[in-house]
Amino acid sequence: MHVRPRLLIASVVLVALSAALTACTGHADHPDGPSRSAGAQPSGSPAPAVGESVAPSASAPSTTPAPAPATTSSAAPVKTAAAPLSVPVPVPATRLSLAAAAAGGGLNLVRGGPAKEFTVTVHNGNSQAYRHLLIAFQMEPLTGEPGDLPGPATPFVLEHRDPATGTWRAVDLRMATDVKPAHLYEGGTALAREAVRAERYRLRATATGPTGSSPLMVYAIDADAAEGTPADFAPPGYGSLPFTTRRLL
């Protein structure tokens, strides 16, 4: 009987099978640990039984969210706008003005009759102060009516009431058709800027003077005006009053 060849073949097969198993598992000296089943728990606490509640671990972190820190507004603080600077408004320049007024609106005289009063008011502006401001009067000569007697050299008497003493003093009444230059006048008193002055006057007609109508012209004259200045032809102030003289009936 030939037993040895069969034993030899069996040995070779066993060696080949062992080598194939070693190649599939890695190293034969370090076999893999036991495989874990799909339901196995990781190392630590044992898996709870079915229907048993699981208490949270003392070492587990709390799931309650921490309060969010207070946030500050990123918007810039509101600033109160400063009040705008007030710009001074320039004051318009004003000039002197003059007004003459009488009871009834005019002077109605009778030859040889009583005098009639009137008032001259001067409002100075803010442009100029005057050292010598004079009130001057002028009237055109009356032609007269038929039957009038030749009149005196002064057919009218004009007077000014002194505010300090209350007395009446004669002032000049120019009878002419031309204009007297301002630099030829003398006298006058000071008048400050924006000052107001009211003066009282009265006028009467003499018994033999002419009759008729003519405006009584009133001028505010700057007596300090130099020759050739515009004040010669355009005085600082001007006014007039209607004037009539009739015979005594």
Protein backbone atom coordinates (compact mmCIF):
# COMPACT_ATOMS: atom_id res chain seq x y z
CA MET A 1 0.00 0.00 0.00
CA HIS A 2 1.14 3.55 -0.77
CA VAL A 3 -0.01 5.63 2.27
CA ARG A 4 2.71 8.33 2.36
CA PRO A 5 1.89 10.11 -0.82
CA ARG A 6 -1.65 10.82 0.41
CA LEU A 7 -0.41 12.08 3.75
CA LEU A 8 2.06 14.36 1.97
CA ILE A 9 -0.65 15.82 -0.27
CA ALA A 10 -2.85 16.43 2.76
CA SER A 11 -0.03 18.26 4.56
CA VAL A 12 0.56 20.50 1.54
CA VAL A 13 -3.11 21.37 1.36
CA LEU A 14 -3.22 22.29 5.06
CA VAL A 15 -0.18 24.59 4.69
CA ALA A 16 -1.72 26.33 1.69
CA LEU A 17 -5.02 26.79 3.51
CA SER A 18 -3.25 28.27 6.57
CA ALA A 19 -1.38 30.76 4.37
CA ALA A 20 -4.58 31.87 2.70
CA LEU A 21 -6.28 32.48 6.05
CA THR A 22 -3.28 34.53 7.24
CA ALA A 23 -3.42 36.75 4.16
CA CYS A 24 -7.13 37.52 4.68
CA THR A 25 -7.01 38.39 8.42
CA GLY A 26 -3.74 40.27 8.60
CA HIS A 27 -1.27 38.79 11.02
CA ALA A 28 -1.88 35.48 12.40
CA ASP A 29 -0.14 36.46 15.66
CA HIS A 30 -2.60 39.35 16.37
CA PRO A 31 -6.03 38.10 15.72
CA ASP A 32 -8.84 40.68 15.62
CA GLY A 33 -10.84 41.21 18.80
CA PRO A 34 -14.27 39.91 19.03
CA SER A 35 -16.63 41.74 16.72
CA ARG A 36 -19.27 43.95 18.28
CA SER A 37 -22.87 43.46 17.53
CA ALA A 38 -24.90 46.33 16.08
CA GLY A 39 -26.83 46.86 19.31
CA ALA A 40 -23.86 46.85 21.68
CA GLN A 41 -23.35 49.90 23.91
CA PRO A 42 -19.99 51.62 24.19
CA SER A 43 -17.96 51.07 27.30
CA GLY A 44 -19.24 52.96 30.35
CA SER A 45 -22.72 52.47 31.76
CA PRO A 46 -24.75 49.43 30.81
CA ALA A 47 -27.62 49.85 28.37
CA PRO A 48 -30.94 50.53 30.05
CA ALA A 49 -33.65 47.95 29.92
CA VAL A 50 -36.66 48.42 27.73
CA GLY A 51 -39.24 50.83 29.38
CA GLU A 52 -36.73 52.18 31.90
CA SER A 53 -36.26 55.97 32.02
CA VAL A 54 -32.77 57.28 31.68
CA ALA A 55 -31.68 59.88 34.25
CA PRO A 56 -29.28 62.51 33.01
CA SER A 57 -25.70 62.07 34.14
CA ALA A 58 -24.42 64.46 36.73
CA SER A 59 -21.36 65.10 34.66
CA ALA A 60 -23.33 65.87 31.48
CA PRO A 61 -23.32 69.56 30.50
CA SER A 62 -26.55 71.54 30.97
CA THR A 63 -28.60 72.10 27.84
CA THR A 64 -30.24 75.35 29.17
CA PRO A 65 -28.95 78.27 26.97
CA ALA A 66 -27.13 81.01 28.85
CA PRO A 67 -28.77 84.49 28.75
CA ALA A 68 -27.48 86.62 25.91
CA PRO A 69 -25.31 89.53 27.04
CA ALA A 70 -26.89 92.98 26.83
CA THR A 71 -25.97 94.65 23.61
CA THR A 72 -25.21 98.34 23.29
CA SER A 73 -26.64 100.40 20.46
CA SER A 74 -24.16 101.03 17.72
CA ALA A 75 -25.97 104.19 16.65
CA ALA A 76 -24.19 107.45 17.37
CA PRO A 77 -25.73 109.61 20.14
CA VAL A 78 -28.21 112.17 18.89
CA LYS A 79 -26.81 115.70 19.14
CA THR A 80 -29.06 118.69 19.60
CA ALA A 81 -28.54 121.08 16.73
CA ALA A 82 -27.06 124.36 17.87
CA ALA A 83 -29.20 127.43 17.36
CA PRO A 84 -28.12 129.37 14.25
CA LEU A 85 -26.18 132.52 14.86
CA SER A 86 -28.39 135.57 14.56
CA VAL A 87 -27.21 137.86 11.81
CA PRO A 88 -27.97 141.52 12.52
CA VAL A 89 -30.32 142.96 9.95
CA PRO A 90 -29.01 146.26 8.59
CA VAL A 91 -31.20 149.21 9.52
CA PRO A 92 -32.33 151.14 6.45
CA ALA A 93 -31.17 154.73 6.30
CA THR A 94 -33.84 157.35 6.93
CA ARG A 95 -33.82 161.08 6.31
CA LEU A 96 -35.39 164.09 7.95
CA SER A 97 -39.08 164.75 7.29
CA LEU A 98 -41.18 167.87 7.91
CA ALA A 99 -44.93 168.36 8.26
CA ALA A 100 -46.95 171.58 8.64
CA ALA A 101 -50.51 171.40 10.01
CA ALA A 102 -53.23 173.89 10.88
CA ALA A 103 -56.79 173.65 12.18
CA GLY A 104 -59.10 173.14 9.22
CA GLY A 105 -56.21 172.06 6.99
CA GLY A 106 -55.06 175.56 5.97
CA LEU A 107 -54.67 179.23 6.87
CA ASN A 108 -57.73 181.37 6.12
CA LEU A 109 -56.88 184.98 6.99
CA VAL A 110 -58.81 188.22 6.91
CA ARG A 111 -57.00 191.53 6.35
CA GLY A 112 -56.56 193.20 9.70
CA GLY A 113 -58.03 190.12 11.46
CA PRO A 114 -56.56 187.82 14.13
CA ALA A 115 -53.59 185.61 13.52
CA LYS A 116 -53.96 181.89 12.76
CA GLU A 117 -51.76 179.32 14.45
CA PHE A 118 -50.11 176.32 12.87
CA THR A 119 -47.51 173.73 13.88
CA VAL A 120 -44.33 172.60 12.17
CA THR A 121 -43.07 169.14 13.22
CA VAL A 122 -39.63 167.86 12.26
CA HIS A 123 -38.72 164.15 12.48
CA ASN A 124 -35.01 163.62 12.00
CA GLY A 125 -33.81 160.35 10.46
CA ASN A 126 -30.86 158.16 11.45
CA SER A 127 -28.51 159.40 8.74
CA GLN A 128 -27.31 162.77 10.02
CA ALA A 129 -27.32 164.98 13.07
CA TYR A 130 -27.60 168.75 12.54
CA ARG A 131 -25.79 171.46 14.46
CA HIS A 132 -27.84 174.36 13.06
CA LEU A 133 -31.20 173.36 11.62
CA LEU A 134 -33.37 176.34 10.66
CA ILE A 135 -37.07 176.49 9.78
CA ALA A 136 -37.56 178.96 6.92
CA PHE A 137 -40.77 180.29 5.32
CA GLN A 138 -41.49 181.63 1.85
CA MET A 139 -44.55 182.78 -0.08
CA GLU A 140 -45.07 184.02 -3.61
CA PRO A 141 -46.29 187.63 -3.80
CA LEU A 142 -50.06 187.99 -4.10
CA THR A 143 -51.29 189.95 -7.10
CA GLY A 144 -54.25 191.39 -5.22
CA GLU A 145 -57.76 192.13 -6.37
CA PRO A 146 -59.42 195.21 -7.86
CA GLY A 147 -59.96 197.83 -5.20
CA ASP A 148 -57.09 196.72 -3.00
CA LEU A 149 -55.11 199.60 -1.59
CA PRO A 150 -51.35 199.58 -1.95
CA GLY A 151 -50.07 197.40 0.84
CA PRO A 152 -47.24 197.99 3.27
CA ALA A 153 -43.76 196.61 2.79
CA THR A 154 -44.71 193.78 5.15
CA PRO A 155 -48.26 192.67 4.30
CA PHE A 156 -48.02 189.68 6.69
CA VAL A 157 -46.61 189.16 10.16
CA LEU A 158 -45.19 185.74 11.03
CA GLU A 159 -44.29 184.87 14.64
CA HIS A 160 -42.77 181.93 16.49
CA ARG A 161 -43.65 180.92 20.04
CA ASP A 162 -40.60 180.53 22.26
CA PRO A 163 -41.14 177.21 24.14
CA ALA A 164 -38.95 178.38 27.04
CA THR A 165 -40.76 181.65 27.78
CA GLY A 166 -44.08 181.30 25.92
CA THR A 167 -43.60 184.66 24.18
CA TRP A 168 -44.13 185.26 20.46
CA ARG A 169 -41.21 186.57 18.42
CA ALA A 170 -41.23 187.76 14.81
CA VAL A 171 -39.53 185.56 12.21
CA ASP A 172 -38.71 186.22 8.57
CA LEU A 173 -41.27 185.46 5.84
CA ARG A 174 -39.63 185.66 2.42
CA MET A 175 -41.86 186.93 -0.43
CA ALA A 176 -40.26 185.72 -3.67
CA THR A 177 -40.52 183.31 -6.55
CA ASP A 178 -36.92 182.11 -6.57
CA VAL A 179 -35.03 179.82 -4.16
CA LYS A 180 -32.60 181.18 -1.61
CA PRO A 181 -29.45 179.00 -1.30
CA ALA A 182 -29.02 177.21 2.00
CA HIS A 183 -25.55 178.64 2.70
CA LEU A 184 -27.06 182.15 2.81
CA TYR A 185 -29.21 181.30 5.85
CA GLU A 186 -27.99 181.88 9.40
CA GLY A 187 -29.14 180.64 12.80
CA GLY A 188 -30.87 177.40 13.66
CA THR A 189 -30.52 174.95 16.56
CA ALA A 190 -29.08 171.48 17.00
CA LEU A 191 -31.12 168.37 16.14
CA ALA A 192 -29.85 164.88 17.00
CA ARG A 193 -30.43 161.73 14.98
CA GLU A 194 -34.00 160.40 15.24
CA ALA A 195 -35.01 163.43 17.33
CA VAL A 196 -38.46 164.99 16.99
CA ARG A 197 -39.23 168.68 17.38
CA ALA A 198 -42.60 170.46 17.18
CA GLU A 199 -42.73 174.27 16.94
CA ARG A 200 -45.72 176.60 17.10
CA TYR A 201 -46.15 179.56 14.71
CA ARG A 202 -48.86 182.08 13.86
CA LEU A 203 -49.55 184.30 10.84
CA ARG A 204 -51.75 187.38 10.37
CA ALA A 205 -52.52 189.70 7.47
CA THR A 206 -52.19 193.45 7.84
CA ALA A 207 -55.18 195.73 7.18
CA THR A 208 -53.95 197.07 3.84
CA GLY A 209 -52.22 193.96 2.49
CA PRO A 210 -53.12 192.19 -0.77
CA THR A 211 -55.76 189.47 -0.99
CA GLY A 212 -55.62 186.15 -2.79
CA SER A 213 -54.34 182.62 -2.38
CA SER A 214 -50.88 181.11 -2.37
CA PRO A 215 -49.25 178.18 -0.56
CA LEU A 216 -47.14 178.95 2.48
CA MET A 217 -43.90 177.02 1.90
CA VAL A 218 -41.95 175.69 4.90
CA TYR A 219 -38.33 174.50 4.65
CA ALA A 220 -35.91 172.79 7.02
CA ILE A 221 -32.54 174.34 6.18
CA ASP A 222 -29.10 173.06 7.19
CA ALA A 223 -27.42 176.40 7.91
CA ASP A 224 -24.00 174.69 7.96
CA ALA A 225 -24.28 173.58 4.33
CA ALA A 226 -21.40 174.70 2.19
CA GLU A 227 -21.93 176.69 -0.97
CA GLY A 228 -22.69 174.49 -3.96
CA THR A 229 -23.86 171.44 -1.98
CA PRO A 230 -27.08 169.67 -3.06
CA ALA A 231 -28.78 171.16 0.00
CA ASP A 232 -28.89 174.44 -1.89
CA PHE A 233 -31.55 172.96 -4.17
CA ALA A 234 -32.92 170.03 -2.14
CA PRO A 235 -33.29 171.04 1.54
CA PRO A 236 -33.47 168.25 4.14
CA GLY A 237 -37.22 168.79 4.70
CA TYR A 238 -40.12 170.54 3.02
CA GLY A 239 -43.84 171.11 3.64
CA SER A 240 -46.59 173.58 2.75
CA LEU A 241 -49.94 174.91 3.91
CA PRO A 242 -52.80 176.27 1.80
CA PHE A 243 -53.11 180.03 2.41
CA THR A 244 -55.87 182.49 1.60
CA THR A 245 -56.36 186.18 2.50
CA ARG A 246 -59.66 188.00 1.98
CA ARG A 247 -61.12 191.36 2.79
CA LEU A 248 -62.97 192.03 5.99
CA LEU A 249 -66.70 192.00 5.19
